Amino acid sequence: MVSGPQSTSKSATGGVAPVAPPLLEMTRIDKSFPGVHALKGVELEVHPGEVLALLGENGAGKSTLIKVLGGAHRPDSGTIAIDGSVVEIGSPQESQRAGIGIIYQEFNLVPAMTVRENIFLGQEPGRVSFIPLRKERRRAQELFERIGVELDSEALVRDLTVAQQQVVEIAKALSLESRIIVMDEPSAALSPREVQGLFRIIEELKSQGIGIVYVSHRLDEIFAICNRVTVLRDGAYVATKPIGQLSRETLIELMVGRKLENEFPVRAGQPPPDAMAQGNVTGAGICSGLSVRGLVGRPKVRDVSFDVRRGEIVALTGLVGAGRTESARLIFGADKREAGTISLDGRELTIRSPRDAIAAGICLLTEDRKRQGLVLNRSVLENFGLPNLSRFSAGGMIQRQRERNAFQSYIDQLQIKVSSSNQRAGNLSGGNQQKVVLAKWLECDADVIIFDEPTRGIDVGAKYEIYLLMHRLVEQGKAILMISSELPEVLGMADRIIVLHEGRVTGEISDVKSATQESIMELAVK
């Protein structure tokens, strides 16, 4: 590590040549909270014009390290240096003045304000001065040209796509003369085409000498865009390596601390090869499991039909906007269905609300677990009990000990990492939040479980555990509908694949072992 503003190295001719210090150097960063040692002497180094991947499982310390860099947390010990000079960062304002821009996964934008207003918010010249609108418009245009995009600076942020909002965040960071930009899960809500647009912007920023810290659980992106990788585990620094020295397997091993022979587990029992096998058809020839016919819920769902047999994982995939999540919400009764039928084991269901779906044996693990799957400011026990109050009530009173005992069994079974059943759901890692959501639905003893983006924002090790749980469920005779935009996950987990395009089924792939990402995309763009 560089300790001063400049170091030296031997040149090819044997002389001593100056070597520029890292753009950013974090040395022996330590941070503790009550009961948690979040960072244990962490090291991080970023050079001009490079993309450094910051990786680790949920709870590894990535978010805490970013908040230290962004001024939201003060480190207990350690140093932060910019261009070799130690700086004190005790607030977000001091972080910005040091040339650091943080783009969090959940954007910090005001929807009712224009693009221009969001970019320059907080940079107004003074309380009694007029805002120089013409200058701001010109400056916004220059920023967009700098990153190679076209965007109307007077458009309202609420009218923009997620990818466009991300561009606004990047422009906002550049307007503050940021030389170091941290991107936290920047592709989580983007389509494949939008991800490629993001990569083009990153390449442009690299060419301008900006250093980028890139946080993502999508390993394909790490190998596509990053120069080096820094791995954290359990709050401690593990290693920093050039991307060219790593394979997917060795990177996963660094992250989880053990070998994973396969990224996707092999299921012990295979599903029946067709609908007529092993009791998967009723006497009337109807699928034993979930049957959806002619599902309509405009504007996104126009005509969707498919079956999910018991003991089977069916993937529902397609491009963003194809109607995947909307189809799930119609099945679950969260949105009003205009037409179509939903049957379970040959019996047509009347589903007008999520309450009806739950009573019928259908549950939904939502795409956005933080906003739709959990009440973050309540305890994990309360979240577990919400859909199960009738199971733990007698005489109008909730039997708390029964509820607590039931939840404890899932803590053990699913290996949920919680300090106690009273811990706030919002304080858990993404993987453990997903397990709490799963626990509450398992207690309902649902027959059909819809997983909408089951591993979004979850690290490799936790993903593997979720996959094992899904296998266990289908082995118990459950029917699983998995909605995923990650094609490796679709190919690695599904027994059959249903592809949607503009609210209609454009194809079904039964021979998943022979399928490729390209064959899925061909159906997705029909």
Protein backbone atom coordinates (compact mmCIF):
# COMPACT_ATOMS: atom_id res chain seq x y z
CA MET A 1 0.00 0.00 0.00
CA VAL A 2 1.18 3.54 -0.73
CA SER A 3 1.87 5.60 2.37
CA GLY A 4 2.67 8.97 0.86
CA PRO A 5 1.75 11.14 -2.09
CA GLN A 6 4.27 9.43 -4.37
CA SER A 7 6.26 6.19 -4.53
CA THR A 8 8.94 4.92 -6.87
CA SER A 9 9.76 1.81 -8.86
CA LYS A 10 12.64 0.68 -11.07
CA SER A 11 12.20 1.51 -14.74
CA ALA A 12 13.14 -0.79 -17.61
CA THR A 13 16.53 0.95 -17.88
CA GLY A 14 17.31 0.40 -14.22
CA GLY A 15 16.56 3.95 -13.10
CA VAL A 16 13.93 4.98 -10.61
CA ALA A 17 10.62 6.15 -12.10
CA PRO A 18 7.84 7.80 -10.12
CA VAL A 19 4.67 5.78 -9.65
CA ALA A 20 1.40 7.62 -9.11
CA PRO A 21 -0.38 6.69 -5.89
CA PRO A 22 -3.80 5.02 -6.06
CA LEU A 23 -6.74 7.30 -6.72
CA LEU A 24 -8.39 5.85 -3.60
CA GLU A 25 -6.78 3.86 -0.82
CA MET A 26 -8.65 2.59 2.24
CA THR A 27 -6.30 1.03 4.80
CA ARG A 28 -7.16 -1.12 7.84
CA ILE A 29 -10.74 0.17 8.06
CA ASP A 30 -12.45 -1.02 11.23
CA LYS A 31 -16.08 -0.44 12.22
CA SER A 32 -18.23 -1.91 14.99
CA PHE A 33 -21.87 -1.53 15.98
CA PRO A 34 -23.49 -2.84 19.18
CA GLY A 35 -23.05 -6.60 19.00
CA VAL A 36 -21.59 -6.56 15.47
CA HIS A 37 -17.99 -6.19 14.29
CA ALA A 38 -18.91 -5.10 10.73
CA LEU A 39 -15.45 -4.30 9.31
CA LYS A 40 -12.21 -5.88 10.51
CA GLY A 41 -9.19 -4.11 9.04
CA VAL A 42 -10.53 -3.91 5.48
CA GLU A 43 -8.28 -2.81 2.59
CA LEU A 44 -9.43 -1.33 -0.74
CA GLU A 45 -7.52 0.36 -3.53
CA VAL A 46 -8.78 1.95 -6.77
CA HIS A 47 -6.66 3.35 -9.59
CA PRO A 48 -7.65 5.96 -12.20
CA GLY A 49 -9.54 4.52 -15.16
CA GLU A 50 -10.27 1.11 -13.62
CA VAL A 51 -13.37 -0.74 -12.48
CA LEU A 52 -12.84 -2.53 -9.17
CA ALA A 53 -15.45 -5.13 -8.26
CA LEU A 54 -16.32 -5.23 -4.55
CA LEU A 55 -17.72 -8.68 -3.81
CA GLY A 56 -18.80 -10.76 -0.86
CA GLU A 57 -21.81 -12.56 0.57
CA ASN A 58 -24.64 -10.63 2.18
CA GLY A 59 -23.32 -9.48 5.54
CA ALA A 60 -19.70 -9.47 4.33
CA GLY A 61 -19.37 -5.73 5.02
CA LYS A 62 -19.75 -4.24 1.54
CA SER A 63 -22.58 -1.86 2.44
CA THR A 64 -20.84 -0.72 5.63
CA LEU A 65 -17.62 -0.03 3.71
CA ILE A 66 -19.54 1.99 1.11
CA LYS A 67 -21.24 4.00 3.87
CA VAL A 68 -17.84 4.71 5.44
CA LEU A 69 -16.59 5.96 2.07
CA GLY A 70 -19.79 7.97 1.58
CA GLY A 71 -19.56 9.63 4.99
CA ALA A 72 -22.66 7.96 6.45
CA HIS A 73 -20.49 6.07 8.99
CA ARG A 74 -17.26 7.14 10.66
CA PRO A 75 -14.67 4.37 10.84
CA ASP A 76 -13.45 3.40 14.31
CA SER A 77 -9.92 3.18 12.93
CA GLY A 78 -8.04 3.13 9.64
CA THR A 79 -7.28 5.74 6.98
CA ILE A 80 -8.74 6.93 3.68
CA ALA A 81 -6.39 8.53 1.17
CA ILE A 82 -7.14 10.31 -2.13
CA ASP A 83 -4.16 10.60 -4.50
CA GLY A 84 -1.93 9.56 -1.62
CA SER A 85 -3.13 12.25 0.80
CA VAL A 86 -5.09 11.19 3.87
CA VAL A 87 -8.56 12.74 4.08
CA GLU A 88 -11.13 12.89 6.87
CA ILE A 89 -14.64 11.87 5.78
CA GLY A 90 -17.18 12.48 8.50
CA SER A 91 -20.25 13.38 6.46
CA PRO A 92 -21.73 12.92 2.97
CA GLN A 93 -20.76 16.51 2.18
CA GLU A 94 -17.11 15.82 3.03
CA SER A 95 -17.25 12.68 0.86
CA GLN A 96 -18.54 14.72 -2.08
CA ARG A 97 -15.87 17.38 -1.57
CA ALA A 98 -13.25 14.61 -1.67
CA GLY A 99 -14.49 13.68 -5.16
CA ILE A 100 -16.50 10.60 -4.22
CA GLY A 101 -19.94 9.88 -5.69
CA ILE A 102 -22.13 7.06 -4.35
CA ILE A 103 -24.95 5.68 -6.51
CA TYR A 104 -27.02 3.47 -4.25
CA GLN A 105 -29.29 0.69 -5.51
CA GLU A 106 -32.30 2.73 -4.39
CA PHE A 107 -31.87 6.04 -6.17
CA ASN A 108 -31.74 9.30 -4.24
CA LEU A 109 -33.92 11.30 -6.64
CA VAL A 110 -37.04 13.46 -6.25
CA PRO A 111 -39.67 12.04 -8.66
CA ALA A 112 -41.71 15.26 -8.93
CA MET A 113 -38.69 17.35 -9.96
CA THR A 114 -37.06 17.61 -13.39
CA VAL A 115 -33.88 15.90 -14.44
CA ARG A 116 -32.02 19.23 -14.28
CA GLU A 117 -33.37 20.08 -10.84
CA ASN A 118 -32.30 16.69 -9.48
CA ILE A 119 -28.79 16.98 -10.91
CA PHE A 120 -28.13 20.38 -9.33
CA LEU A 121 -30.19 19.94 -6.16
CA GLY A 122 -28.17 21.30 -3.25
CA GLN A 123 -25.79 23.19 -5.53
CA GLU A 124 -27.86 26.37 -5.71
CA PRO A 125 -25.68 29.53 -5.47
CA GLY A 126 -27.45 30.98 -2.41
CA ARG A 127 -30.73 31.57 -0.63
CA VAL A 128 -31.53 34.88 -2.32
CA SER A 129 -29.91 34.21 -5.70
CA PHE A 130 -31.79 33.32 -8.85
CA ILE A 131 -31.18 29.81 -10.18
CA PRO A 132 -29.29 30.14 -13.49
CA LEU A 133 -31.66 27.99 -15.56
CA ARG A 134 -29.91 28.51 -18.89
CA LYS A 135 -26.53 27.68 -17.38
CA GLU A 136 -27.95 24.56 -15.68
CA ARG A 137 -29.55 23.34 -18.92
CA ARG A 138 -26.29 23.82 -20.79
CA ARG A 139 -24.31 22.12 -18.05
CA ALA A 140 -26.77 19.16 -17.94
CA GLN A 141 -26.41 18.77 -21.71
CA GLU A 142 -22.62 18.75 -21.37
CA LEU A 143 -22.83 16.06 -18.71
CA PHE A 144 -25.05 13.86 -20.88
CA GLU A 145 -22.71 14.33 -23.85
CA ARG A 146 -19.80 13.39 -21.61
CA ILE A 147 -21.33 10.00 -20.86
CA GLY A 148 -22.71 9.56 -24.38
CA VAL A 149 -26.47 9.65 -23.82
CA GLU A 150 -29.41 11.81 -24.87
CA LEU A 151 -31.88 12.90 -22.20
CA ASP A 152 -34.30 15.80 -21.85
CA SER A 153 -33.14 17.84 -18.87
CA GLU A 154 -36.65 19.22 -18.35
CA ALA A 155 -38.37 15.80 -18.17
CA LEU A 156 -39.81 14.79 -14.80
CA VAL A 157 -37.84 12.03 -13.11
CA ARG A 158 -41.05 10.09 -12.37
CA ASP A 159 -41.57 9.71 -16.13
CA LEU A 160 -38.14 8.15 -16.74
CA THR A 161 -37.23 4.50 -17.00
CA VAL A 162 -35.01 2.96 -14.33
CA ALA A 163 -32.05 3.07 -16.76
CA GLN A 164 -32.65 6.77 -17.43
CA GLN A 165 -32.87 7.50 -13.70
CA GLN A 166 -29.52 5.79 -13.31
CA VAL A 167 -28.08 8.11 -15.96
CA VAL A 168 -29.37 11.07 -13.92
CA GLU A 169 -27.58 9.71 -10.84
CA ILE A 170 -24.33 9.36 -12.81
CA ALA A 171 -24.69 12.90 -14.22
CA LYS A 172 -25.37 14.16 -10.68
CA ALA A 173 -22.13 12.58 -9.45
CA LEU A 174 -20.16 14.06 -12.35
CA SER A 175 -21.66 17.50 -11.70
CA LEU A 176 -19.94 17.37 -8.31
CA GLU A 177 -16.60 16.65 -10.02
CA SER A 178 -16.52 13.10 -8.68
CA ARG A 179 -13.38 11.19 -9.61
CA ILE A 180 -14.43 8.03 -7.77
CA ILE A 181 -17.92 6.62 -8.38
CA VAL A 182 -19.38 3.72 -6.41
CA MET A 183 -22.17 1.80 -8.15
CA ASP A 184 -24.19 -0.45 -5.81
CA GLU A 185 -26.05 -3.19 -7.73
CA PRO A 186 -26.44 -0.87 -10.76
CA SER A 187 -27.98 -3.50 -13.04
CA ALA A 188 -30.48 -5.02 -10.58
CA ALA A 189 -33.57 -3.57 -12.30
CA LEU A 190 -32.20 -3.22 -15.86
CA SER A 191 -33.00 -5.24 -18.96
CA PRO A 192 -30.10 -6.90 -20.85
CA ARG A 193 -30.15 -4.09 -23.42
CA GLU A 194 -30.06 -1.45 -20.69
CA VAL A 195 -27.16 -3.26 -19.01
CA GLN A 196 -25.18 -2.98 -22.23
CA GLY A 197 -25.95 0.75 -22.25
CA LEU A 198 -24.65 1.00 -18.69
CA PHE A 199 -21.45 -0.79 -19.72
CA ARG A 200 -20.90 1.73 -22.53
CA ILE A 201 -21.22 4.58 -20.02
CA ILE A 202 -18.77 2.87 -17.67
CA GLU A 203 -16.23 2.46 -20.48
CA GLU A 204 -16.58 6.16 -21.26
CA LEU A 205 -16.01 7.07 -17.60
CA LYS A 206 -12.94 4.82 -17.50
CA SER A 207 -11.49 6.60 -20.54
CA GLN A 208 -11.80 9.87 -18.59
CA GLY A 209 -9.70 8.50 -15.72
CA ILE A 210 -12.56 7.99 -13.29
CA GLY A 211 -12.19 5.10 -10.85
CA ILE A 212 -15.30 2.97 -10.34
CA VAL A 213 -16.18 0.61 -7.49
CA TYR A 214 -18.73 -1.85 -8.87
CA VAL A 215 -20.87 -3.92 -6.47
CA SER A 216 -22.90 -6.74 -7.99
CA HIS A 217 -23.95 -10.33 -7.35
CA ARG A 218 -24.06 -11.02 -11.10
CA LEU A 219 -20.75 -12.70 -11.80
CA ASP A 220 -21.15 -12.50 -15.59
CA GLU A 221 -21.04 -8.71 -15.28
CA ILE A 222 -17.94 -8.83 -13.10
CA PHE A 223 -16.03 -10.71 -15.78
CA ALA A 224 -17.41 -8.46 -18.52
CA ILE A 225 -16.63 -5.02 -17.08
CA CYS A 226 -14.19 -5.19 -14.14
CA ASN A 227 -10.39 -4.99 -14.11
CA ARG A 228 -9.76 -6.26 -10.57
CA VAL A 229 -11.78 -7.83 -7.76
CA THR A 230 -11.67 -7.20 -4.01
CA VAL A 231 -13.44 -9.83 -1.90
CA LEU A 232 -14.72 -9.42 1.67
CA ARG A 233 -15.98 -12.20 3.93
CA ASP A 234 -17.54 -11.82 7.38
CA GLY A 235 -16.35 -8.21 7.57
CA ALA A 236 -12.72 -9.08 6.79
CA TYR A 237 -10.55 -8.49 3.74
CA VAL A 238 -9.89 -11.72 1.80
CA ALA A 239 -8.01 -10.80 -1.39
CA THR A 240 -7.64 -8.46 -4.35
CA LYS A 241 -6.88 -10.09 -7.69
CA PRO A 242 -6.85 -9.15 -11.39
CA ILE A 243 -9.96 -10.52 -13.10
CA GLY A 244 -7.76 -12.40 -15.58
CA GLN A 245 -6.40 -14.58 -12.77
CA LEU A 246 -9.83 -15.77 -11.68
CA SER A 247 -12.33 -18.31 -12.90
CA ARG A 248 -15.98 -18.28 -11.90
CA GLU A 249 -15.32 -21.21 -9.55
CA THR A 250 -12.30 -19.66 -7.81
CA LEU A 251 -14.17 -16.36 -7.37
CA ILE A 252 -17.12 -18.14 -5.74
CA GLU A 253 -14.71 -20.03 -3.47
CA LEU A 254 -13.11 -16.73 -2.35
CA MET A 255 -16.54 -15.30 -1.56
CA VAL A 256 -18.07 -18.21 0.36
CA GLY A 257 -14.91 -19.67 1.87
CA ARG A 258 -15.57 -23.15 0.56
CA LYS A 259 -15.85 -24.99 -2.74
CA LEU A 260 -19.21 -25.19 -4.48
CA GLU A 261 -18.96 -28.09 -6.89
CA ASN A 262 -21.91 -26.72 -8.87
CA GLU A 263 -23.42 -23.25 -8.91
CA PHE A 264 -26.82 -24.95 -9.20
CA PRO A 265 -27.45 -28.04 -7.03
CA VAL A 266 -28.40 -31.34 -8.61
CA ARG A 267 -31.85 -32.49 -7.55
CA ALA A 268 -32.10 -35.88 -5.93
CA GLY A 269 -35.45 -36.76 -7.55
CA GLN A 270 -36.30 -35.74 -11.10
CA PRO A 271 -39.78 -34.56 -12.17
CA PRO A 272 -41.98 -36.83 -14.29
CA PRO A 273 -41.05 -36.64 -17.99
CA ASP A 274 -44.57 -35.70 -19.07
CA ALA A 275 -47.98 -34.78 -17.67
CA MET A 276 -49.25 -38.35 -17.84
CA ALA A 277 -46.55 -39.79 -15.57
CA GLN A 278 -46.53 -40.59 -11.87
CA GLY A 279 -49.99 -39.38 -11.01
CA ASN A 280 -49.59 -35.88 -12.42
CA VAL A 281 -52.90 -36.11 -14.21
CA THR A 282 -56.30 -36.51 -12.62
CA GLY A 283 -58.89 -38.98 -13.82
CA ALA A 284 -60.36 -36.32 -16.08
CA GLY A 285 -56.98 -35.78 -17.76
CA ILE A 286 -56.42 -32.49 -15.96
CA CYS A 287 -52.99 -31.42 -14.71
CA SER A 288 -52.35 -32.15 -11.02
CA GLY A 289 -50.98 -28.81 -9.96
CA LEU A 290 -51.54 -25.26 -11.20
CA SER A 291 -53.32 -24.63 -14.51
CA VAL A 292 -53.68 -21.14 -15.97
CA ARG A 293 -55.80 -20.60 -19.07
CA GLY A 294 -56.41 -17.42 -21.09
CA LEU A 295 -55.18 -15.06 -18.37
CA VAL A 296 -55.83 -11.40 -19.23
CA GLY A 297 -55.05 -8.29 -17.20
CA ARG A 298 -54.40 -5.31 -19.43
CA PRO A 299 -52.20 -3.62 -20.40
CA LYS A 300 -49.38 -6.06 -19.62
CA VAL A 301 -51.07 -9.50 -19.73
CA ARG A 302 -53.01 -10.27 -22.92
CA ASP A 303 -53.25 -14.08 -23.18
CA VAL A 304 -51.23 -16.34 -20.90
CA SER A 305 -51.74 -20.09 -20.48
CA PHE A 306 -49.47 -22.68 -18.85
CA ASP A 307 -49.34 -25.57 -16.35
CA VAL A 308 -47.09 -26.18 -13.36
CA ARG A 309 -47.22 -29.77 -12.20
CA ARG A 310 -46.56 -30.89 -8.65
CA GLY A 311 -42.91 -31.81 -8.16
CA GLU A 312 -41.83 -29.44 -10.91
CA ILE A 313 -40.10 -26.05 -11.26
CA VAL A 314 -41.38 -24.06 -14.23
CA ALA A 315 -39.57 -20.86 -15.14
CA LEU A 316 -41.54 -17.91 -16.50
CA THR A 317 -39.15 -15.61 -18.31
CA GLY A 318 -38.94 -12.88 -20.93
CA LEU A 319 -37.68 -9.34 -21.32
CA VAL A 320 -38.56 -6.56 -18.88
CA GLY A 321 -42.16 -5.54 -19.60
CA ALA A 322 -43.15 -8.94 -21.00
CA GLY A 323 -45.80 -9.43 -18.30
CA ARG A 324 -44.06 -11.91 -15.99
CA THR A 325 -44.65 -10.20 -12.63
CA GLU A 326 -48.06 -8.97 -13.75
CA SER A 327 -49.10 -12.58 -14.51
CA ALA A 328 -48.00 -13.64 -11.02
CA ARG A 329 -49.95 -10.81 -9.40
CA LEU A 330 -53.11 -11.82 -11.34
CA ILE A 331 -52.75 -15.44 -10.20
CA PHE A 332 -52.26 -14.28 -6.60
CA GLY A 333 -55.24 -11.92 -6.73
CA ALA A 334 -53.12 -8.81 -6.11
CA ASP A 335 -54.42 -7.29 -9.38
CA LYS A 336 -57.84 -7.62 -10.97
CA ARG A 337 -58.16 -10.34 -13.59
CA GLU A 338 -60.22 -9.42 -16.68
CA ALA A 339 -60.44 -12.94 -18.13
CA GLY A 340 -59.06 -16.42 -17.78
CA THR A 341 -59.25 -19.31 -15.33
CA ILE A 342 -56.97 -20.52 -12.57
CA SER A 343 -57.25 -24.15 -11.40
CA LEU A 344 -55.49 -26.23 -8.78
CA ASP A 345 -55.57 -30.04 -9.08
CA GLY A 346 -58.40 -29.77 -11.58
CA ARG A 347 -60.59 -27.52 -9.42
CA GLU A 348 -61.25 -24.03 -10.73
CA LEU A 349 -60.52 -21.36 -8.14
CA THR A 350 -62.29 -18.12 -7.40
CA ILE A 351 -59.48 -15.68 -6.59
CA ARG A 352 -60.41 -12.04 -6.07
CA SER A 353 -57.72 -11.15 -3.52
CA PRO A 354 -54.47 -12.45 -1.99
CA ARG A 355 -56.57 -13.73 0.91
CA ASP A 356 -58.45 -16.00 -1.53
CA ALA A 357 -55.18 -17.21 -3.07
CA ILE A 358 -53.64 -18.01 0.32
CA ALA A 359 -56.76 -19.90 1.36
CA ALA A 360 -56.60 -21.88 -1.91
CA GLY A 361 -52.96 -22.86 -1.31
CA ILE A 362 -51.12 -20.34 -3.51
CA CYS A 363 -48.45 -17.97 -2.21
CA LEU A 364 -46.23 -15.34 -3.83
CA LEU A 365 -42.69 -14.34 -2.87
CA THR A 366 -42.70 -10.89 -4.42
CA GLU A 367 -40.00 -9.39 -6.61
CA ASP A 368 -39.55 -6.49 -4.19
CA ARG A 369 -39.34 -8.20 -0.80
CA LYS A 370 -38.53 -4.93 0.99
CA ARG A 371 -41.66 -3.09 -0.14
CA GLN A 372 -44.12 -5.89 -0.78
CA GLY A 373 -42.85 -8.94 1.09
CA LEU A 374 -41.92 -7.56 4.51
CA VAL A 375 -42.82 -4.84 6.98
CA LEU A 376 -39.25 -3.69 7.53
CA ASN A 377 -39.78 -1.76 10.76
CA ARG A 378 -41.46 -4.73 12.47
CA SER A 379 -39.81 -7.82 13.94
CA VAL A 380 -39.10 -10.97 11.97
CA LEU A 381 -41.55 -12.81 14.25
CA GLU A 382 -44.36 -10.37 13.45
CA ASN A 383 -43.64 -10.67 9.73
CA PHE A 384 -43.74 -14.46 10.01
CA GLY A 385 -47.06 -14.35 11.83
CA LEU A 386 -48.93 -11.90 9.58
CA PRO A 387 -50.40 -14.40 7.07
CA ASN A 388 -50.71 -17.06 9.78
CA LEU A 389 -52.67 -15.28 12.50
CA SER A 390 -55.56 -17.73 12.29
CA ARG A 391 -53.17 -20.64 12.89
CA PHE A 392 -51.82 -19.11 16.10
CA SER A 393 -55.04 -17.63 17.47
CA ALA A 394 -57.57 -19.00 19.90
CA GLY A 395 -60.55 -17.10 21.29
CA GLY A 396 -59.45 -13.96 19.47
CA MET A 397 -56.02 -13.98 21.17
CA ILE A 398 -52.68 -14.68 19.50
CA GLN A 399 -50.80 -17.48 21.22
CA ARG A 400 -47.35 -15.92 21.10
CA GLN A 401 -45.47 -18.95 22.37
CA ARG A 402 -46.92 -21.19 19.66
CA GLU A 403 -46.02 -18.56 17.08
CA ARG A 404 -42.49 -18.24 18.49
CA ASN A 405 -41.97 -22.01 18.58
CA ALA A 406 -43.14 -22.38 14.97
CA PHE A 407 -40.83 -19.60 13.80
CA GLN A 408 -37.89 -21.10 15.70
CA SER A 409 -38.35 -24.35 13.77
CA TYR A 410 -37.92 -22.41 10.50
CA ILE A 411 -34.91 -20.53 11.87
CA ASP A 412 -33.32 -23.94 12.41
CA GLN A 413 -34.59 -25.51 9.20
CA LEU A 414 -33.73 -22.60 6.87
CA GLN A 415 -30.65 -21.49 8.84
CA ILE A 416 -31.94 -17.94 9.17
CA LYS A 417 -29.30 -15.72 10.76
CA VAL A 418 -31.11 -13.55 13.32
CA SER A 419 -30.00 -12.31 16.73
CA SER A 420 -33.49 -13.06 18.07
CA SER A 421 -37.07 -13.36 16.84
CA ASN A 422 -37.55 -9.72 17.85
CA GLN A 423 -34.91 -8.42 15.44
CA ARG A 424 -36.21 -5.87 12.91
CA ALA A 425 -36.68 -7.36 9.45
CA GLY A 426 -35.03 -4.30 7.90
CA ASN A 427 -31.75 -5.11 9.64
CA LEU A 428 -31.32 -8.51 7.99
CA SER A 429 -29.24 -9.24 4.90
CA GLY A 430 -31.09 -9.83 1.62
CA GLY A 431 -30.69 -13.59 1.82
CA ASN A 432 -32.06 -13.78 5.35
CA GLN A 433 -34.96 -11.47 4.48
CA GLN A 434 -35.85 -13.86 1.66
CA LYS A 435 -35.76 -16.78 4.09
CA VAL A 436 -38.15 -15.00 6.49
CA VAL A 437 -40.58 -14.43 3.60
CA LEU A 438 -40.25 -18.08 2.64
CA ALA A 439 -40.81 -19.20 6.25
CA LYS A 440 -44.13 -17.38 6.56
CA TRP A 441 -45.41 -18.99 3.36
CA LEU A 442 -44.16 -22.46 4.29
CA GLU A 443 -46.14 -22.18 7.51
CA CYS A 444 -49.23 -21.59 5.36
CA ASP A 445 -48.52 -25.01 3.79
CA ALA A 446 -49.10 -23.68 0.27
CA ASP A 447 -49.29 -26.14 -2.63
CA VAL A 448 -48.15 -23.62 -5.25
CA ILE A 449 -45.26 -21.26 -4.53
CA ILE A 450 -44.51 -18.42 -6.93
CA PHE A 451 -40.92 -17.13 -6.64
CA ASP A 452 -40.58 -13.75 -8.38
CA GLU A 453 -36.84 -13.06 -8.85
CA PRO A 454 -35.99 -15.36 -5.90
CA THR A 455 -32.27 -14.46 -5.74
CA ARG A 456 -32.23 -10.79 -6.75
CA GLY A 457 -29.65 -8.97 -4.62
CA ILE A 458 -28.56 -12.20 -2.92
CA ASP A 459 -24.98 -13.47 -2.83
CA VAL A 460 -23.76 -16.71 -4.37
CA GLY A 461 -23.73 -18.72 -1.13
CA ALA A 462 -27.25 -17.64 -0.13
CA LYS A 463 -28.46 -18.32 -3.68
CA TYR A 464 -27.30 -21.91 -3.38
CA GLU A 465 -29.24 -22.31 -0.13
CA ILE A 466 -32.40 -20.90 -1.77
CA TYR A 467 -31.97 -23.31 -4.68
CA LEU A 468 -31.65 -26.24 -2.26
CA LEU A 469 -34.85 -25.13 -0.52
CA MET A 470 -36.68 -25.00 -3.85
CA HIS A 471 -35.53 -28.53 -4.63
CA ARG A 472 -36.70 -29.71 -1.21
CA LEU A 473 -40.13 -28.19 -1.81
CA VAL A 474 -40.72 -29.86 -5.17
CA GLU A 475 -39.53 -33.15 -3.70
CA GLN A 476 -42.38 -32.71 -1.18
CA GLY A 477 -44.86 -32.40 -4.07
CA LYS A 478 -45.11 -28.61 -4.24
CA ALA A 479 -45.48 -26.85 -7.58
CA ILE A 480 -43.05 -23.96 -8.13
CA LEU A 481 -43.41 -21.15 -10.64
CA MET A 482 -40.10 -19.27 -10.82
CA ILE A 483 -39.94 -15.86 -12.49
CA SER A 484 -36.39 -14.84 -13.31
CA SER A 485 -34.58 -12.47 -15.64
CA GLU A 486 -31.25 -14.24 -15.02
CA LEU A 487 -31.00 -16.76 -17.85
CA PRO A 488 -28.25 -18.88 -16.22
CA GLU A 489 -30.61 -19.30 -13.25
CA VAL A 490 -33.48 -20.25 -15.57
CA LEU A 491 -31.36 -22.86 -17.34
CA GLY A 492 -29.85 -24.14 -14.09
CA MET A 493 -33.07 -24.57 -12.11
CA ALA A 494 -36.08 -25.06 -14.39
CA ASP A 495 -37.64 -28.32 -15.55
CA ARG A 496 -39.57 -26.41 -18.21
CA ILE A 497 -39.37 -22.82 -19.46
CA ILE A 498 -42.33 -20.64 -20.51
CA VAL A 499 -41.31 -17.53 -22.46
CA LEU A 500 -43.44 -14.38 -22.63
CA HIS A 501 -43.35 -11.47 -25.05
CA GLU A 502 -45.67 -8.48 -24.75
CA GLY A 503 -48.11 -10.33 -22.50
CA ARG A 504 -48.39 -13.53 -24.53
CA VAL A 505 -46.72 -16.95 -24.41
CA THR A 506 -44.36 -17.20 -27.38
CA GLY A 507 -42.89 -20.59 -26.63
CA GLU A 508 -42.25 -23.44 -24.21
CA ILE A 509 -38.94 -25.25 -23.79
CA SER A 510 -39.28 -28.78 -22.39
CA ASP A 511 -35.75 -30.00 -23.14
CA VAL A 512 -33.99 -27.54 -20.84
CA LYS A 513 -30.70 -29.45 -20.89
CA SER A 514 -30.36 -28.72 -24.61
CA ALA A 515 -31.53 -25.11 -24.36
CA THR A 516 -29.25 -22.06 -24.51
CA GLN A 517 -29.58 -18.42 -23.55
CA GLU A 518 -29.78 -17.64 -27.27
CA SER A 519 -32.71 -20.02 -27.80
CA ILE A 520 -34.60 -18.36 -24.94
CA MET A 521 -33.88 -14.87 -26.31
CA GLU A 522 -35.16 -15.87 -29.75
CA LEU A 523 -38.55 -16.62 -28.18
CA ALA A 524 -38.39 -13.52 -25.95
CA VAL A 525 -38.11 -11.08 -28.89
CA LYS A 526 -40.72 -12.68 -31.16
